[in-house]
């Protein structure tokens, strides 16, 4: 009996490899989707850290507000006393100028806030009273790609192009989102809106010219998304490296109460210094100290009480040791 012929092996078809514009379009589309996901995650991370910074600043403000109010009250009172002293007609022009110079020195040292106090003779040659100029934040320029995308979305989704009231209201809300995204320079958000409302998913066509155009547009869009992702990363790193970022991370780890005490401590020291200046100027205004004493500055209380106590204890221990060494020794009994 003859054996049945063995079936010939049929080659198994492997994965179809796309080549040309179709493969590039698929690869760029996958990269496009991945960039949008990465931007979404980075944007969420930035938003979470911004919330942490705001919460940290709010906690610090709760601790600092009473101290700041008291410091403002003392600063205003000291400036009012200096203004009255510098304008007093009972003093000579030389004395008033010396008093004004003391106020200026305190401002230079940062003890008092910077305020304009004209010299007694009406001179205004001191430029130290001028407040520092603040530079206005430069507005970033709009790149051409995001401007073109914005115009394309406005042209496609303008509410006046539809008659249905419900659809017109929907497009109005979408236009608000488009305007906000364009104002923030959020290229990824504009692309998401375009994919949701304005265009259909890209298809693979045999038309070589149209495929090349889609490839060029997709490559440019991906480059803009990569740039936005880099900008978000830089913005997050700058925020983390700022003083507010360090504050937020410091409060998040360890003991928040101890961290707040460490930050409030220097402010309390400055407040005590301001209180000392206030009392000193008030004493001079009431005639309790002379002009020479006033120009010499306040004398801080001596901090040698602890040293005196330590010296007294050392002397007591020395006397006890001397008494012990000079006392007669008793004879030890034999067993």
Protein backbone atom coordinates (compact mmCIF):
# COMPACT_ATOMS: atom_id res chain seq x y z
CA UNK A 1 0.00 0.00 0.00
CA UNK A 2 1.44 3.26 -1.09
CA UNK A 3 1.85 6.01 1.42
CA UNK A 4 0.00 9.22 0.84
CA UNK A 5 2.23 11.99 -0.30
CA UNK A 6 3.24 14.34 2.48
CA UNK A 7 1.82 17.80 2.11
CA UNK A 8 4.31 20.35 1.03
CA UNK A 9 5.26 22.97 3.58
CA UNK A 10 3.46 26.26 3.15
CA UNK A 11 5.61 29.17 4.15
CA UNK A 12 4.15 31.08 7.08
CA UNK A 13 3.63 34.70 6.27
CA UNK A 14 5.54 36.97 8.64
CA UNK A 15 4.57 40.46 9.70
CA UNK A 16 3.98 42.73 6.79
CA UNK A 17 6.63 45.41 6.77
CA UNK A 18 5.38 48.76 5.68
CA UNK A 19 7.77 50.85 3.69
CA UNK A 20 7.78 54.30 2.28
CA UNK A 21 5.36 57.02 3.39
CA UNK A 22 2.96 54.58 5.09
CA UNK A 23 5.58 53.32 7.57
CA UNK A 24 6.84 56.84 8.29
CA UNK A 25 3.30 58.08 8.81
CA UNK A 26 2.55 55.29 11.26
CA UNK A 27 5.79 55.87 13.15
CA UNK A 28 5.25 59.61 13.35
CA UNK A 29 1.66 59.09 14.47
CA UNK A 30 2.82 56.81 17.29
CA UNK A 31 5.47 59.32 18.29
CA UNK A 32 2.83 62.06 18.17
CA UNK A 33 0.54 60.17 20.56
CA UNK A 34 3.43 59.39 22.91
CA UNK A 35 4.49 63.03 23.04
CA UNK A 36 0.95 64.07 23.91
CA UNK A 37 0.90 61.54 26.75
CA UNK A 38 4.29 62.71 28.02
CA UNK A 39 3.18 66.33 27.94
CA UNK A 40 0.03 65.43 29.84
CA UNK A 41 2.04 63.69 32.57
CA UNK A 42 4.58 66.52 32.79
CA UNK A 43 1.80 69.10 32.92
CA UNK A 44 0.10 67.17 35.74
CA UNK A 45 3.38 66.91 37.67
CA UNK A 46 3.94 70.65 37.30
CA UNK A 47 0.39 71.36 38.44
CA UNK A 48 0.81 69.17 41.54
CA UNK A 49 4.04 70.87 42.52
CA UNK A 50 2.50 74.31 41.98
CA UNK A 51 -0.32 73.29 44.33
CA UNK A 52 2.27 72.20 46.91
CA UNK A 53 4.07 75.55 46.60
CA UNK A 54 0.82 77.47 47.05
CA UNK A 55 -0.07 75.39 50.12
CA UNK A 56 3.39 75.96 51.61
CA UNK A 57 3.20 79.71 51.03
CA UNK A 58 -0.25 79.79 52.63
CA UNK A 59 1.07 78.03 55.74
CA UNK A 60 4.02 80.39 55.98
CA UNK A 61 1.72 83.37 55.49
CA UNK A 62 -0.37 82.26 58.46
CA UNK A 63 2.76 82.32 60.61
CA UNK A 64 4.28 85.45 59.13
CA UNK A 65 1.23 87.71 58.94
CA UNK A 66 1.12 88.69 62.65
CA UNK A 67 4.86 89.32 62.66
CA UNK A 68 4.66 91.31 59.43
CA UNK A 69 1.79 93.43 60.79
CA UNK A 70 3.75 94.22 63.95
CA UNK A 71 6.88 95.02 61.94
CA UNK A 72 4.87 97.33 59.69
CA UNK A 73 3.42 99.12 62.71
CA UNK A 74 6.86 99.65 64.27
CA UNK A 75 8.36 100.74 60.94
CA UNK A 76 5.62 103.33 60.42
CA UNK A 77 6.04 104.63 63.97
CA UNK A 78 9.82 104.99 63.63
CA UNK A 79 9.48 106.82 60.30
CA UNK A 80 6.92 109.20 61.82
CA UNK A 81 9.26 109.98 64.74
CA UNK A 82 12.18 110.60 62.40
CA UNK A 83 10.05 112.88 60.22
CA UNK A 84 8.99 114.89 63.27
CA UNK A 85 12.57 115.12 64.57
CA UNK A 86 13.98 116.16 61.20
CA UNK A 87 11.31 118.86 60.81
CA UNK A 88 11.57 120.24 64.37
CA UNK A 89 12.35 123.96 64.36
CA UNK A 90 13.75 123.77 67.89
CA UNK A 91 16.90 122.10 66.52
CA UNK A 92 19.54 123.58 64.30
CA UNK A 93 19.84 122.65 60.66
CA UNK A 94 23.01 120.70 61.43
CA UNK A 95 21.30 118.60 64.12
CA UNK A 96 18.32 117.91 61.88
CA UNK A 97 20.63 116.82 59.11
CA UNK A 98 22.42 114.47 61.49
CA UNK A 99 19.08 112.96 62.53
CA UNK A 100 18.09 112.50 58.89
CA UNK A 101 21.43 110.79 58.23
CA UNK A 102 20.74 108.29 61.05
CA UNK A 103 17.42 107.42 59.42
CA UNK A 104 19.14 107.00 56.07
CA UNK A 105 21.79 104.70 57.57
CA UNK A 106 19.10 102.52 59.16
CA UNK A 107 17.43 102.19 55.77
CA UNK A 108 20.70 101.25 54.10
CA UNK A 109 21.25 98.56 56.73
CA UNK A 110 17.78 97.14 56.07
CA UNK A 111 16.45 97.87 59.56
CA UNK A 112 13.89 100.35 58.23
CA UNK A 113 12.01 100.35 54.98
CA UNK A 114 13.20 102.68 52.22
CA UNK A 115 11.23 105.91 52.26
CA UNK A 116 11.87 109.38 50.96
CA UNK A 117 12.91 111.73 53.77
CA UNK A 118 13.96 115.13 52.37
CA UNK A 119 17.02 116.70 53.93
CA UNK A 120 16.40 119.67 56.25
CA UNK A 121 17.83 122.14 53.74
CA UNK A 122 15.60 120.87 50.94
CA UNK A 123 18.47 119.09 49.22
CA UNK A 124 17.52 116.12 47.12
CA UNK A 125 20.96 114.99 46.05
CA UNK A 126 20.69 111.60 47.77
CA UNK A 127 19.86 108.93 45.24
CA UNK A 128 19.79 106.25 47.92
CA UNK A 129 16.12 106.97 48.61
CA UNK A 130 15.02 105.93 45.14
CA UNK A 131 13.24 102.62 44.99
CA UNK A 132 14.86 99.98 42.79
CA UNK A 133 13.42 99.71 39.34
CA UNK A 134 11.65 96.49 38.56
CA UNK A 135 12.05 94.94 35.17
CA UNK A 136 8.85 93.99 33.45
CA UNK A 137 8.56 90.37 32.47
CA UNK A 138 9.21 89.91 28.80
CA UNK A 139 6.26 88.47 26.98
CA UNK A 140 7.24 85.39 25.02
CA UNK A 141 6.89 85.66 21.29
CA UNK A 142 4.34 83.48 19.57
CA UNK A 143 5.91 80.85 17.31
CA UNK A 144 4.61 80.59 13.79
CA UNK A 145 3.37 77.02 14.18
CA UNK A 146 1.09 77.73 17.13
CA UNK A 147 -0.25 80.88 15.45
CA UNK A 148 -1.07 78.96 12.29
CA UNK A 149 -2.78 76.21 14.29
CA UNK A 150 -4.80 78.77 16.21
CA UNK A 151 -6.01 80.43 13.03
CA UNK A 152 -6.88 77.06 11.55
CA UNK A 153 -8.99 76.14 14.57
CA UNK A 154 -10.74 79.49 14.62
CA UNK A 155 -11.53 79.13 10.94
CA UNK A 156 -12.88 75.60 11.39
CA UNK A 157 -14.76 75.95 14.69
CA UNK A 158 -16.14 79.48 14.71
CA UNK A 159 -19.66 79.48 16.22
CA UNK A 160 -21.06 81.74 13.48
CA UNK A 161 -20.58 78.99 10.91
CA UNK A 162 -23.42 76.89 12.34
CA UNK A 163 -27.12 77.65 12.74
CA UNK A 164 -28.08 75.16 15.43
CA UNK A 165 -28.16 76.89 18.82
CA UNK A 166 -26.94 73.88 20.79
CA UNK A 167 -24.01 73.35 18.43
CA UNK A 168 -23.27 77.06 18.47
CA UNK A 169 -23.09 77.01 22.28
CA UNK A 170 -20.78 73.99 22.17
CA UNK A 171 -18.48 75.70 19.71
CA UNK A 172 -18.44 78.81 21.88
CA UNK A 173 -17.11 76.76 24.80
CA UNK A 174 -14.53 75.16 22.53
CA UNK A 175 -13.43 78.59 21.33
CA UNK A 176 -12.86 79.63 24.94
CA UNK A 177 -10.58 76.62 25.39
CA UNK A 178 -8.76 77.48 22.17
CA UNK A 179 -8.22 81.07 23.29
CA UNK A 180 -6.90 80.01 26.72
CA UNK A 181 -4.55 77.43 25.20
CA UNK A 182 -3.24 79.92 22.66
CA UNK A 183 -2.70 82.55 25.36
CA UNK A 184 -0.70 80.02 27.43
CA UNK A 185 1.29 78.84 24.41
CA UNK A 186 -0.04 75.31 24.95
CA UNK A 187 0.57 73.74 21.54
CA UNK A 188 -0.34 70.25 22.76
CA UNK A 189 -3.75 71.37 23.97
CA UNK A 190 -4.51 73.01 20.62
CA UNK A 191 -3.57 69.78 18.86
CA UNK A 192 -5.86 67.82 21.15
CA UNK A 193 -8.73 70.18 20.32
CA UNK A 194 -7.98 69.89 16.62
CA UNK A 195 -7.98 66.10 16.75
CA UNK A 196 -11.23 66.07 18.74
CA UNK A 197 -13.28 68.64 16.87
CA UNK A 198 -11.72 69.64 13.57
CA UNK A 199 -10.08 66.70 11.83
CA UNK A 200 -10.52 62.99 11.32
CA UNK A 201 -7.75 60.45 12.07
CA UNK A 202 -5.12 60.36 9.34
CA UNK A 203 -5.59 57.60 6.80
CA UNK A 204 -3.03 55.88 4.62
CA UNK A 205 -3.49 56.92 1.03
CA UNK A 206 -1.76 55.97 -2.17
CA UNK A 207 -1.56 59.60 -3.15
CA UNK A 208 2.15 60.24 -2.75
CA UNK A 209 1.88 64.04 -2.76
CA UNK A 210 -0.81 64.20 -0.09
CA UNK A 211 1.06 61.64 2.03
CA UNK A 212 4.21 63.74 1.88
CA UNK A 213 2.27 66.80 2.94
CA UNK A 214 0.82 64.94 5.90
CA UNK A 215 4.27 63.68 6.83
CA UNK A 216 5.75 67.17 6.76
CA UNK A 217 2.91 68.56 8.88
CA UNK A 218 3.21 65.71 11.37
CA UNK A 219 6.97 66.10 11.66
CA UNK A 220 6.59 69.82 12.36
CA UNK A 221 3.88 69.13 14.93
CA UNK A 222 6.08 66.57 16.69
CA UNK A 223 8.97 69.01 16.80
CA UNK A 224 6.72 71.61 18.41
CA UNK A 225 5.53 69.02 20.94
CA UNK A 226 9.10 68.07 21.80
CA UNK A 227 9.91 71.73 22.37
CA UNK A 228 6.87 72.14 24.61
CA UNK A 229 7.87 69.06 26.59
CA UNK A 230 11.35 70.52 27.10
CA UNK A 231 9.86 73.85 28.18
CA UNK A 232 7.63 72.14 30.72
CA UNK A 233 10.64 70.25 32.09
CA UNK A 234 12.66 73.47 32.43
CA UNK A 235 9.75 75.22 34.10
CA UNK A 236 9.38 72.41 36.62
CA UNK A 237 13.12 72.36 37.36
CA UNK A 238 13.20 76.14 37.87
CA UNK A 239 10.26 75.95 40.26
CA UNK A 240 11.86 73.15 42.27
CA UNK A 241 15.15 75.07 42.46
CA UNK A 242 13.46 78.30 43.60
CA UNK A 243 13.07 79.35 47.23
CA UNK A 244 9.37 78.54 47.07
CA UNK A 245 10.17 75.06 45.77
CA UNK A 246 12.69 74.42 48.55
CA UNK A 247 10.09 75.61 51.04
CA UNK A 248 7.44 73.25 49.70
CA UNK A 249 9.79 70.26 49.82
CA UNK A 250 11.03 71.20 53.29
CA UNK A 251 7.50 71.31 54.66
CA UNK A 252 6.64 68.04 52.97
CA UNK A 253 9.40 66.07 54.64
CA UNK A 254 10.28 65.95 58.31
CA UNK A 255 8.43 67.97 60.95
CA UNK A 256 6.50 70.86 59.36
CA UNK A 257 6.17 72.69 62.69
CA UNK A 258 9.94 72.62 63.22
CA UNK A 259 10.51 73.83 59.65
CA UNK A 260 8.15 76.75 60.22
CA UNK A 261 9.88 77.62 63.50
CA UNK A 262 13.23 77.71 61.72
CA UNK A 263 11.83 80.12 59.15
CA UNK A 264 10.01 82.30 61.67
CA UNK A 265 13.08 82.59 63.94
CA UNK A 266 15.03 85.10 61.79
CA UNK A 267 11.88 87.19 61.32
CA UNK A 268 11.42 87.36 65.08
CA UNK A 269 15.05 88.44 65.49
CA UNK A 270 14.52 91.25 62.99
CA UNK A 271 11.35 92.26 64.80
CA UNK A 272 13.24 92.46 68.10
CA UNK A 273 15.89 94.64 66.45
CA UNK A 274 13.19 96.92 65.07
CA UNK A 275 11.59 97.14 68.51
CA UNK A 276 14.96 98.14 69.97
CA UNK A 277 15.33 100.92 67.38
CA UNK A 278 11.78 102.09 68.03
CA UNK A 279 12.33 102.38 71.78
CA UNK A 280 15.67 104.12 71.25
CA UNK A 281 14.26 106.78 68.89
CA UNK A 282 11.28 107.26 71.19
CA UNK A 283 13.62 107.86 74.14
CA UNK A 284 15.46 110.53 72.16
CA UNK A 285 12.23 112.16 71.05
CA UNK A 286 11.05 112.39 74.68
CA UNK A 287 14.37 113.90 75.78
CA UNK A 288 15.54 110.92 77.84
CA UNK A 289 18.88 110.75 76.01
CA UNK A 290 21.06 113.44 74.49
CA UNK A 291 21.86 114.01 70.84
CA UNK A 292 25.38 112.65 71.35
CA UNK A 293 23.96 109.43 72.84
CA UNK A 294 21.46 109.22 70.01
CA UNK A 295 24.14 109.59 67.35
CA UNK A 296 26.22 106.90 69.11
CA UNK A 297 23.42 104.41 68.62
CA UNK A 298 21.58 102.06 70.99
CA UNK A 299 23.64 100.01 73.41
CA UNK A 300 22.55 96.40 73.53
CA UNK A 301 22.26 94.89 77.02
CA UNK A 302 25.30 92.99 78.23
CA UNK A 303 25.06 89.25 78.00
CA UNK A 304 27.57 88.39 80.77
CA UNK A 305 25.10 87.12 83.39
CA UNK A 306 25.79 83.55 82.40
CA UNK A 307 29.56 84.16 82.64
CA UNK A 308 29.19 85.62 86.12
CA UNK A 309 27.29 82.55 87.28
CA UNK A 310 29.90 80.25 85.78
CA UNK A 311 32.71 82.21 87.47
CA UNK A 312 30.93 82.01 90.83
CA UNK A 313 30.50 78.27 90.50
CA UNK A 314 34.16 77.84 89.61
CA UNK A 315 35.24 79.86 92.64
CA UNK A 316 32.97 77.78 94.88
CA UNK A 317 34.42 74.53 93.53
CA UNK A 318 37.96 75.85 94.01
CA UNK A 319 37.26 76.74 97.66
CA UNK A 320 35.79 73.29 98.30
CA UNK A 321 38.84 71.64 96.74
CA UNK A 322 41.21 73.73 98.84
CA UNK A 323 39.32 72.93 102.03
CA UNK A 324 39.43 69.23 101.23
CA UNK A 325 43.18 69.21 100.61
CA UNK A 326 44.04 71.21 103.76
CA UNK A 327 41.87 69.15 106.15
CA UNK A 328 43.87 66.77 108.55
CA UNK A 329 43.98 63.20 107.43
CA UNK A 330 42.57 60.57 109.79
CA UNK A 331 44.65 57.50 110.66
CA UNK A 332 43.28 54.30 109.31
CA UNK A 333 42.60 51.53 111.85
CA UNK A 334 44.52 48.31 111.54
CA UNK A 335 42.53 45.19 111.00
